[in-house]
Amino acid sequence: MLALLRELFEIERDFEFDADKQARGLAMLLQSPSATALVARESHAVIGMTSVQLVISTAEGAHSAWIEDVCVAGTARRRGVGRLLVEAALDWARSRGATRALLLADLDNAPALAFYARLGWQGTRLGAKRIFLCR
């Protein structure tokens, strides 16, 4: 999974790969009752992954799902792996009461933006902002 995150973070300019940080994040996901990491395998190799976690949405009056880390190995792309991962993440969230899902995609990643559009994801008028609480 770390190799996939490295591949993803090479595309997304907002993130830098740090194996220790990403390993901690994956461990936290796997231990959280309100989050999970999903993988696609071919033989014994992980060829795709995504993570999904629940947040409480006052707009929805229900849980909302936050999807991150949608990544498919370059050698496994264009075979439906990403679609299956996203669908599985949505199913996981729906089964836990989420009524909406959100994700971020790098605005320079045209293939990812086209992928999400094909899956029916819609843009919003919201812009993502961030601040680091510690470094």
N, C-alpha and C. Protein backbone atom coordinates (compact mmCIF):
# COMPACT_ATOMS: atom_id res chain seq x y z
N MET A 1 0.82 -1.19 0.00
CA MET A 1 0.00 0.00 0.00
C MET A 1 0.87 1.25 0.00
N LEU A 2 1.99 1.18 0.66
CA LEU A 2 2.88 2.34 0.68
C LEU A 2 3.41 2.65 -0.73
N ALA A 3 3.67 1.61 -1.50
CA ALA A 3 4.14 1.84 -2.87
C ALA A 3 3.08 2.56 -3.70
N LEU A 4 1.82 2.22 -3.49
CA LEU A 4 0.74 2.91 -4.20
C LEU A 4 0.63 4.36 -3.75
N LEU A 5 0.77 4.61 -2.47
CA LEU A 5 0.72 5.98 -1.98
C LEU A 5 1.89 6.79 -2.54
N ARG A 6 3.04 6.18 -2.66
CA ARG A 6 4.18 6.88 -3.26
C ARG A 6 3.84 7.27 -4.69
N GLU A 7 3.26 6.34 -5.43
CA GLU A 7 2.87 6.61 -6.82
C GLU A 7 1.83 7.74 -6.88
N LEU A 8 0.87 7.71 -5.99
CA LEU A 8 -0.16 8.75 -5.96
C LEU A 8 0.43 10.11 -5.61
N PHE A 9 1.28 10.16 -4.61
CA PHE A 9 1.83 11.43 -4.16
C PHE A 9 2.83 12.02 -5.15
N GLU A 10 3.33 11.22 -6.06
CA GLU A 10 4.17 11.75 -7.14
C GLU A 10 3.33 12.58 -8.11
N ILE A 11 2.03 12.28 -8.18
CA ILE A 11 1.12 13.01 -9.08
C ILE A 11 0.58 14.25 -8.40
N GLU A 12 0.23 14.14 -7.12
CA GLU A 12 -0.43 15.22 -6.40
C GLU A 12 0.60 16.15 -5.76
N ARG A 13 0.64 17.37 -6.23
CA ARG A 13 1.66 18.31 -5.77
C ARG A 13 1.43 18.80 -4.34
N ASP A 14 0.22 18.61 -3.79
CA ASP A 14 -0.05 19.06 -2.44
C ASP A 14 0.50 18.15 -1.36
N PHE A 15 1.00 16.97 -1.75
CA PHE A 15 1.46 16.00 -0.77
C PHE A 15 2.88 15.55 -1.09
N GLU A 16 3.60 15.21 -0.04
CA GLU A 16 4.93 14.62 -0.19
C GLU A 16 4.92 13.26 0.47
N PHE A 17 5.52 12.29 -0.19
CA PHE A 17 5.55 10.94 0.36
C PHE A 17 6.53 10.89 1.53
N ASP A 18 6.07 10.31 2.61
CA ASP A 18 6.89 10.07 3.80
C ASP A 18 6.42 8.72 4.34
N ALA A 19 7.20 7.69 4.12
CA ALA A 19 6.78 6.32 4.44
C ALA A 19 6.33 6.18 5.90
N ASP A 20 7.03 6.83 6.82
CA ASP A 20 6.64 6.72 8.23
C ASP A 20 5.27 7.33 8.48
N LYS A 21 5.03 8.52 7.92
CA LYS A 21 3.73 9.17 8.11
C LYS A 21 2.61 8.36 7.46
N GLN A 22 2.85 7.89 6.24
CA GLN A 22 1.80 7.15 5.56
C GLN A 22 1.53 5.81 6.25
N ALA A 23 2.55 5.16 6.77
CA ALA A 23 2.34 3.91 7.51
C ALA A 23 1.52 4.17 8.78
N ARG A 24 1.81 5.27 9.48
CA ARG A 24 1.02 5.63 10.67
C ARG A 24 -0.44 5.89 10.28
N GLY A 25 -0.64 6.61 9.20
CA GLY A 25 -1.99 6.90 8.75
C GLY A 25 -2.76 5.65 8.39
N LEU A 26 -2.12 4.73 7.69
CA LEU A 26 -2.78 3.47 7.34
C LEU A 26 -3.13 2.68 8.59
N ALA A 27 -2.23 2.63 9.55
CA ALA A 27 -2.51 1.92 10.80
C ALA A 27 -3.69 2.54 11.53
N MET A 28 -3.77 3.87 11.54
CA MET A 28 -4.89 4.54 12.19
C MET A 28 -6.20 4.22 11.48
N LEU A 29 -6.18 4.21 10.16
CA LEU A 29 -7.39 3.85 9.40
C LEU A 29 -7.88 2.46 9.76
N LEU A 30 -6.95 1.54 9.81
CA LEU A 30 -7.32 0.15 10.05
C LEU A 30 -7.80 -0.10 11.48
N GLN A 31 -7.44 0.79 12.40
CA GLN A 31 -7.87 0.64 13.79
C GLN A 31 -9.13 1.42 14.11
N SER A 32 -9.55 2.29 13.21
CA SER A 32 -10.69 3.16 13.49
C SER A 32 -12.01 2.47 13.14
N PRO A 33 -13.01 2.55 14.03
CA PRO A 33 -14.32 1.97 13.70
C PRO A 33 -15.08 2.80 12.66
N SER A 34 -14.64 4.04 12.42
CA SER A 34 -15.34 4.90 11.47
C SER A 34 -14.56 5.10 10.18
N ALA A 35 -13.62 4.21 9.90
CA ALA A 35 -12.81 4.32 8.68
C ALA A 35 -12.33 2.94 8.26
N THR A 36 -11.94 2.85 7.01
CA THR A 36 -11.35 1.60 6.53
C THR A 36 -10.49 1.89 5.31
N ALA A 37 -9.60 0.98 5.03
CA ALA A 37 -8.82 1.00 3.80
C ALA A 37 -9.21 -0.24 3.00
N LEU A 38 -9.45 -0.06 1.74
CA LEU A 38 -9.85 -1.16 0.85
C LEU A 38 -8.75 -1.38 -0.17
N VAL A 39 -8.50 -2.64 -0.51
CA VAL A 39 -7.46 -2.94 -1.48
C VAL A 39 -7.99 -3.87 -2.57
N ALA A 40 -7.36 -3.78 -3.71
CA ALA A 40 -7.59 -4.71 -4.82
C ALA A 40 -6.29 -5.49 -4.99
N ARG A 41 -6.44 -6.79 -5.15
CA ARG A 41 -5.26 -7.65 -5.29
C ARG A 41 -5.30 -8.42 -6.58
N GLU A 42 -4.12 -8.69 -7.08
CA GLU A 42 -3.96 -9.58 -8.22
C GLU A 42 -2.86 -10.56 -7.81
N SER A 43 -3.22 -11.81 -7.74
CA SER A 43 -2.34 -12.80 -7.12
C SER A 43 -2.09 -12.34 -5.69
N HIS A 44 -0.84 -12.13 -5.32
CA HIS A 44 -0.53 -11.70 -3.96
C HIS A 44 -0.18 -10.22 -3.89
N ALA A 45 -0.23 -9.53 -5.02
CA ALA A 45 0.17 -8.13 -5.06
C ALA A 45 -1.03 -7.21 -4.90
N VAL A 46 -0.86 -6.13 -4.13
CA VAL A 46 -1.87 -5.09 -4.02
C VAL A 46 -1.71 -4.19 -5.24
N ILE A 47 -2.78 -4.11 -6.04
CA ILE A 47 -2.71 -3.31 -7.27
C ILE A 47 -3.58 -2.06 -7.21
N GLY A 48 -4.34 -1.89 -6.13
CA GLY A 48 -5.17 -0.70 -5.98
C GLY A 48 -5.61 -0.55 -4.55
N MET A 49 -5.95 0.68 -4.20
CA MET A 49 -6.40 0.95 -2.84
C MET A 49 -7.22 2.21 -2.80
N THR A 50 -7.99 2.35 -1.76
CA THR A 50 -8.65 3.60 -1.39
C THR A 50 -8.94 3.55 0.10
N SER A 51 -9.20 4.72 0.65
CA SER A 51 -9.62 4.77 2.05
C SER A 51 -10.92 5.56 2.12
N VAL A 52 -11.71 5.26 3.14
CA VAL A 52 -12.98 5.96 3.34
C VAL A 52 -13.20 6.10 4.84
N GLN A 53 -13.67 7.27 5.23
CA GLN A 53 -13.98 7.50 6.64
C GLN A 53 -15.23 8.34 6.76
N LEU A 54 -15.88 8.19 7.89
CA LEU A 54 -17.13 8.90 8.13
C LEU A 54 -16.89 10.16 8.94
N VAL A 55 -17.61 11.21 8.57
CA VAL A 55 -17.67 12.44 9.35
C VAL A 55 -19.15 12.77 9.53
N ILE A 56 -19.45 13.60 10.49
CA ILE A 56 -20.83 14.02 10.71
C ILE A 56 -21.07 15.30 9.93
N SER A 57 -22.09 15.30 9.12
CA SER A 57 -22.43 16.46 8.30
C SER A 57 -23.67 17.15 8.85
N THR A 58 -23.52 18.40 9.26
CA THR A 58 -24.70 19.14 9.68
C THR A 58 -25.60 19.45 8.48
N ALA A 59 -25.00 19.61 7.30
CA ALA A 59 -25.80 19.86 6.09
C ALA A 59 -26.71 18.68 5.78
N GLU A 60 -26.20 17.48 5.99
CA GLU A 60 -26.97 16.26 5.70
C GLU A 60 -27.79 15.79 6.89
N GLY A 61 -27.39 16.20 8.09
CA GLY A 61 -28.04 15.65 9.28
C GLY A 61 -27.77 14.16 9.40
N ALA A 62 -26.62 13.76 8.91
CA ALA A 62 -26.24 12.34 8.86
C ALA A 62 -24.73 12.26 8.65
N HIS A 63 -24.26 11.03 8.57
CA HIS A 63 -22.85 10.85 8.22
C HIS A 63 -22.62 11.16 6.75
N SER A 64 -21.42 11.64 6.49
CA SER A 64 -20.94 11.83 5.13
C SER A 64 -19.63 11.05 5.02
N ALA A 65 -19.35 10.53 3.86
CA ALA A 65 -18.13 9.75 3.67
C ALA A 65 -17.07 10.61 3.01
N TRP A 66 -15.86 10.49 3.50
CA TRP A 66 -14.70 11.19 2.93
C TRP A 66 -13.81 10.12 2.31
N ILE A 67 -13.66 10.17 1.00
CA ILE A 67 -12.87 9.17 0.28
C ILE A 67 -11.53 9.78 -0.08
N GLU A 68 -10.46 9.06 0.21
CA GLU A 68 -9.10 9.50 -0.11
C GLU A 68 -8.31 8.35 -0.70
N ASP A 69 -7.16 8.70 -1.22
CA ASP A 69 -6.15 7.71 -1.62
C ASP A 69 -6.63 6.72 -2.66
N VAL A 70 -7.47 7.16 -3.60
CA VAL A 70 -7.86 6.28 -4.69
C VAL A 70 -6.65 6.16 -5.61
N CYS A 71 -6.08 4.97 -5.65
CA CYS A 71 -4.86 4.78 -6.43
C CYS A 71 -4.84 3.36 -7.00
N VAL A 72 -4.51 3.27 -8.28
CA VAL A 72 -4.36 1.98 -8.95
C VAL A 72 -2.97 1.98 -9.57
N ALA A 73 -2.25 0.89 -9.39
CA ALA A 73 -0.91 0.77 -9.96
C ALA A 73 -0.96 1.02 -11.47
N GLY A 74 0.05 1.70 -11.97
CA GLY A 74 0.08 2.03 -13.39
C GLY A 74 -0.15 0.84 -14.30
N THR A 75 0.36 -0.32 -13.93
CA THR A 75 0.21 -1.52 -14.75
C THR A 75 -1.19 -2.11 -14.71
N ALA A 76 -2.03 -1.65 -13.77
CA ALA A 76 -3.37 -2.22 -13.62
C ALA A 76 -4.48 -1.24 -13.99
N ARG A 77 -4.11 -0.09 -14.50
CA ARG A 77 -5.13 0.92 -14.84
C ARG A 77 -5.91 0.53 -16.08
N ARG A 78 -7.12 1.13 -16.17
CA ARG A 78 -8.01 0.95 -17.31
C ARG A 78 -8.57 -0.47 -17.40
N ARG A 79 -8.68 -1.12 -16.22
CA ARG A 79 -9.26 -2.47 -16.16
C ARG A 79 -10.44 -2.54 -15.20
N GLY A 80 -10.91 -1.39 -14.73
CA GLY A 80 -12.07 -1.36 -13.84
C GLY A 80 -11.74 -1.46 -12.36
N VAL A 81 -10.46 -1.51 -12.02
CA VAL A 81 -10.06 -1.66 -10.62
C VAL A 81 -10.47 -0.43 -9.81
N GLY A 82 -10.22 0.75 -10.34
CA GLY A 82 -10.58 1.98 -9.64
C GLY A 82 -12.07 2.08 -9.41
N ARG A 83 -12.84 1.75 -10.42
CA ARG A 83 -14.30 1.78 -10.30
C ARG A 83 -14.76 0.84 -9.18
N LEU A 84 -14.23 -0.36 -9.16
CA LEU A 84 -14.61 -1.32 -8.11
C LEU A 84 -14.24 -0.82 -6.72
N LEU A 85 -13.09 -0.21 -6.60
CA LEU A 85 -12.67 0.33 -5.30
C LEU A 85 -13.59 1.45 -4.84
N VAL A 86 -13.90 2.37 -5.73
CA VAL A 86 -14.78 3.48 -5.36
C VAL A 86 -16.17 2.96 -5.02
N GLU A 87 -16.68 2.03 -5.81
CA GLU A 87 -18.00 1.44 -5.51
C GLU A 87 -17.99 0.74 -4.16
N ALA A 88 -16.92 0.03 -3.85
CA ALA A 88 -16.83 -0.65 -2.55
C ALA A 88 -16.78 0.36 -1.42
N ALA A 89 -16.07 1.46 -1.61
CA ALA A 89 -16.01 2.51 -0.58
C ALA A 89 -17.39 3.12 -0.37
N LEU A 90 -18.12 3.37 -1.46
CA LEU A 90 -19.46 3.93 -1.34
C LEU A 90 -20.41 2.94 -0.66
N ASP A 91 -20.29 1.67 -0.99
CA ASP A 91 -21.12 0.64 -0.35
C ASP A 91 -20.84 0.58 1.15
N TRP A 92 -19.55 0.64 1.52
CA TRP A 92 -19.16 0.62 2.94
C TRP A 92 -19.80 1.79 3.65
N ALA A 93 -19.70 2.98 3.06
CA ALA A 93 -20.25 4.19 3.68
C ALA A 93 -21.78 4.13 3.76
N ARG A 94 -22.40 3.72 2.68
CA ARG A 94 -23.87 3.63 2.64
C ARG A 94 -24.37 2.67 3.72
N SER A 95 -23.67 1.57 3.91
CA SER A 95 -24.10 0.58 4.90
C SER A 95 -23.97 1.10 6.33
N ARG A 96 -23.25 2.21 6.50
CA ARG A 96 -23.08 2.81 7.82
C ARG A 96 -23.86 4.11 7.96
N GLY A 97 -24.79 4.34 7.04
CA GLY A 97 -25.70 5.48 7.16
C GLY A 97 -25.28 6.76 6.47
N ALA A 98 -24.18 6.74 5.75
CA ALA A 98 -23.75 7.96 5.06
C ALA A 98 -24.72 8.27 3.92
N THR A 99 -25.03 9.55 3.77
CA THR A 99 -25.96 9.97 2.73
C THR A 99 -25.28 10.76 1.62
N ARG A 100 -24.00 11.05 1.78
CA ARG A 100 -23.24 11.78 0.78
C ARG A 100 -21.79 11.35 0.87
N ALA A 101 -21.06 11.47 -0.24
CA ALA A 101 -19.63 11.19 -0.24
C ALA A 101 -18.91 12.35 -0.91
N LEU A 102 -17.72 12.62 -0.41
CA LEU A 102 -16.87 13.69 -0.93
C LEU A 102 -15.48 13.14 -1.19
N LEU A 103 -14.80 13.74 -2.15
CA LEU A 103 -13.39 13.42 -2.35
C LEU A 103 -12.71 14.63 -2.96
N LEU A 104 -11.40 14.64 -2.89
CA LEU A 104 -10.60 15.67 -3.53
C LEU A 104 -9.81 15.02 -4.66
N ALA A 105 -9.61 15.78 -5.72
CA ALA A 105 -8.77 15.32 -6.82
C ALA A 105 -7.90 16.49 -7.24
N ASP A 106 -6.65 16.21 -7.51
CA ASP A 106 -5.72 17.24 -7.96
C ASP A 106 -6.25 17.85 -9.25
N LEU A 107 -6.36 19.16 -9.29
CA LEU A 107 -6.92 19.84 -10.46
C LEU A 107 -6.06 19.70 -11.71
N ASP A 108 -4.80 19.30 -11.55
CA ASP A 108 -3.92 19.07 -12.69
C ASP A 108 -3.94 17.62 -13.16
N ASN A 109 -4.67 16.76 -12.46
CA ASN A 109 -4.70 15.33 -12.79
C ASN A 109 -5.91 15.06 -13.69
N ALA A 110 -5.77 15.39 -14.97
CA ALA A 110 -6.88 15.25 -15.93
C ALA A 110 -7.43 13.82 -15.99
N PRO A 111 -6.58 12.78 -15.99
CA PRO A 111 -7.14 11.43 -16.01
C PRO A 111 -8.03 11.13 -14.80
N ALA A 112 -7.63 11.58 -13.62
CA ALA A 112 -8.45 11.35 -12.42
C ALA A 112 -9.76 12.12 -12.51
N LEU A 113 -9.70 13.37 -12.95
CA LEU A 113 -10.91 14.17 -13.07
C LEU A 113 -11.89 13.53 -14.07
N ALA A 114 -11.37 13.03 -15.18
CA ALA A 114 -12.22 12.35 -16.17
C ALA A 114 -12.80 11.06 -15.59
N PHE A 115 -11.99 10.33 -14.85
CA PHE A 115 -12.44 9.09 -14.20
C PHE A 115 -13.63 9.37 -13.29
N TYR A 116 -13.50 10.36 -12.40
CA TYR A 116 -14.59 10.66 -11.48
C TYR A 116 -15.83 11.16 -12.22
N ALA A 117 -15.64 11.92 -13.27
CA ALA A 117 -16.79 12.38 -14.07
C ALA A 117 -17.53 11.19 -14.68
N ARG A 118 -16.77 10.21 -15.18
CA ARG A 118 -17.41 9.01 -15.76
C ARG A 118 -18.21 8.25 -14.71
N LEU A 119 -17.78 8.32 -13.46
CA LEU A 119 -18.48 7.63 -12.38
C LEU A 119 -19.66 8.44 -11.83
N GLY A 120 -19.86 9.64 -12.36
CA GLY A 120 -21.00 10.43 -11.94
C GLY A 120 -20.73 11.46 -10.84
N TRP A 121 -19.48 11.61 -10.43
CA TRP A 121 -19.15 12.60 -9.41
C TRP A 121 -19.33 13.99 -10.00
N GLN A 122 -19.84 14.89 -9.19
CA GLN A 122 -20.10 16.26 -9.63
C GLN A 122 -19.22 17.24 -8.87
N GLY A 123 -18.82 18.28 -9.57
CA GLY A 123 -18.05 19.34 -8.93
C GLY A 123 -18.95 20.14 -8.01
N THR A 124 -18.35 20.86 -7.10
CA THR A 124 -19.08 21.73 -6.19
C THR A 124 -18.51 23.14 -6.31
N ARG A 125 -19.13 24.07 -5.65
CA ARG A 125 -18.63 25.44 -5.62
C ARG A 125 -17.70 25.64 -4.43
N LEU A 126 -17.40 24.58 -3.70
CA LEU A 126 -16.52 24.67 -2.55
C LEU A 126 -15.07 24.54 -2.99
N GLY A 127 -14.19 25.27 -2.36
CA GLY A 127 -12.76 25.16 -2.62
C GLY A 127 -12.08 24.62 -1.37
N ALA A 128 -11.16 23.73 -1.54
CA ALA A 128 -10.45 23.15 -0.40
C ALA A 128 -9.40 24.13 0.10
N LYS A 129 -9.31 24.26 1.39
CA LYS A 129 -8.29 25.07 2.05
C LYS A 129 -7.68 24.21 3.16
N ARG A 130 -6.45 24.52 3.54
CA ARG A 130 -5.83 23.75 4.61
C ARG A 130 -4.92 24.64 5.44
N ILE A 131 -4.65 24.17 6.63
CA ILE A 131 -3.68 24.79 7.52
C ILE A 131 -3.03 23.66 8.31
N PHE A 132 -1.72 23.75 8.50
CA PHE A 132 -1.01 22.73 9.27
C PHE A 132 -1.02 23.15 10.73
N LEU A 133 -1.41 22.22 11.60
CA LEU A 133 -1.48 22.50 13.03
C LEU A 133 -0.15 22.29 13.72
N CYS A 134 0.69 21.47 13.13
CA CYS A 134 2.06 21.28 13.64
C CYS A 134 2.90 20.70 12.52
N ARG A 135 4.15 20.84 12.60
CA ARG A 135 5.07 20.32 11.59
C ARG A 135 6.23 19.67 12.26
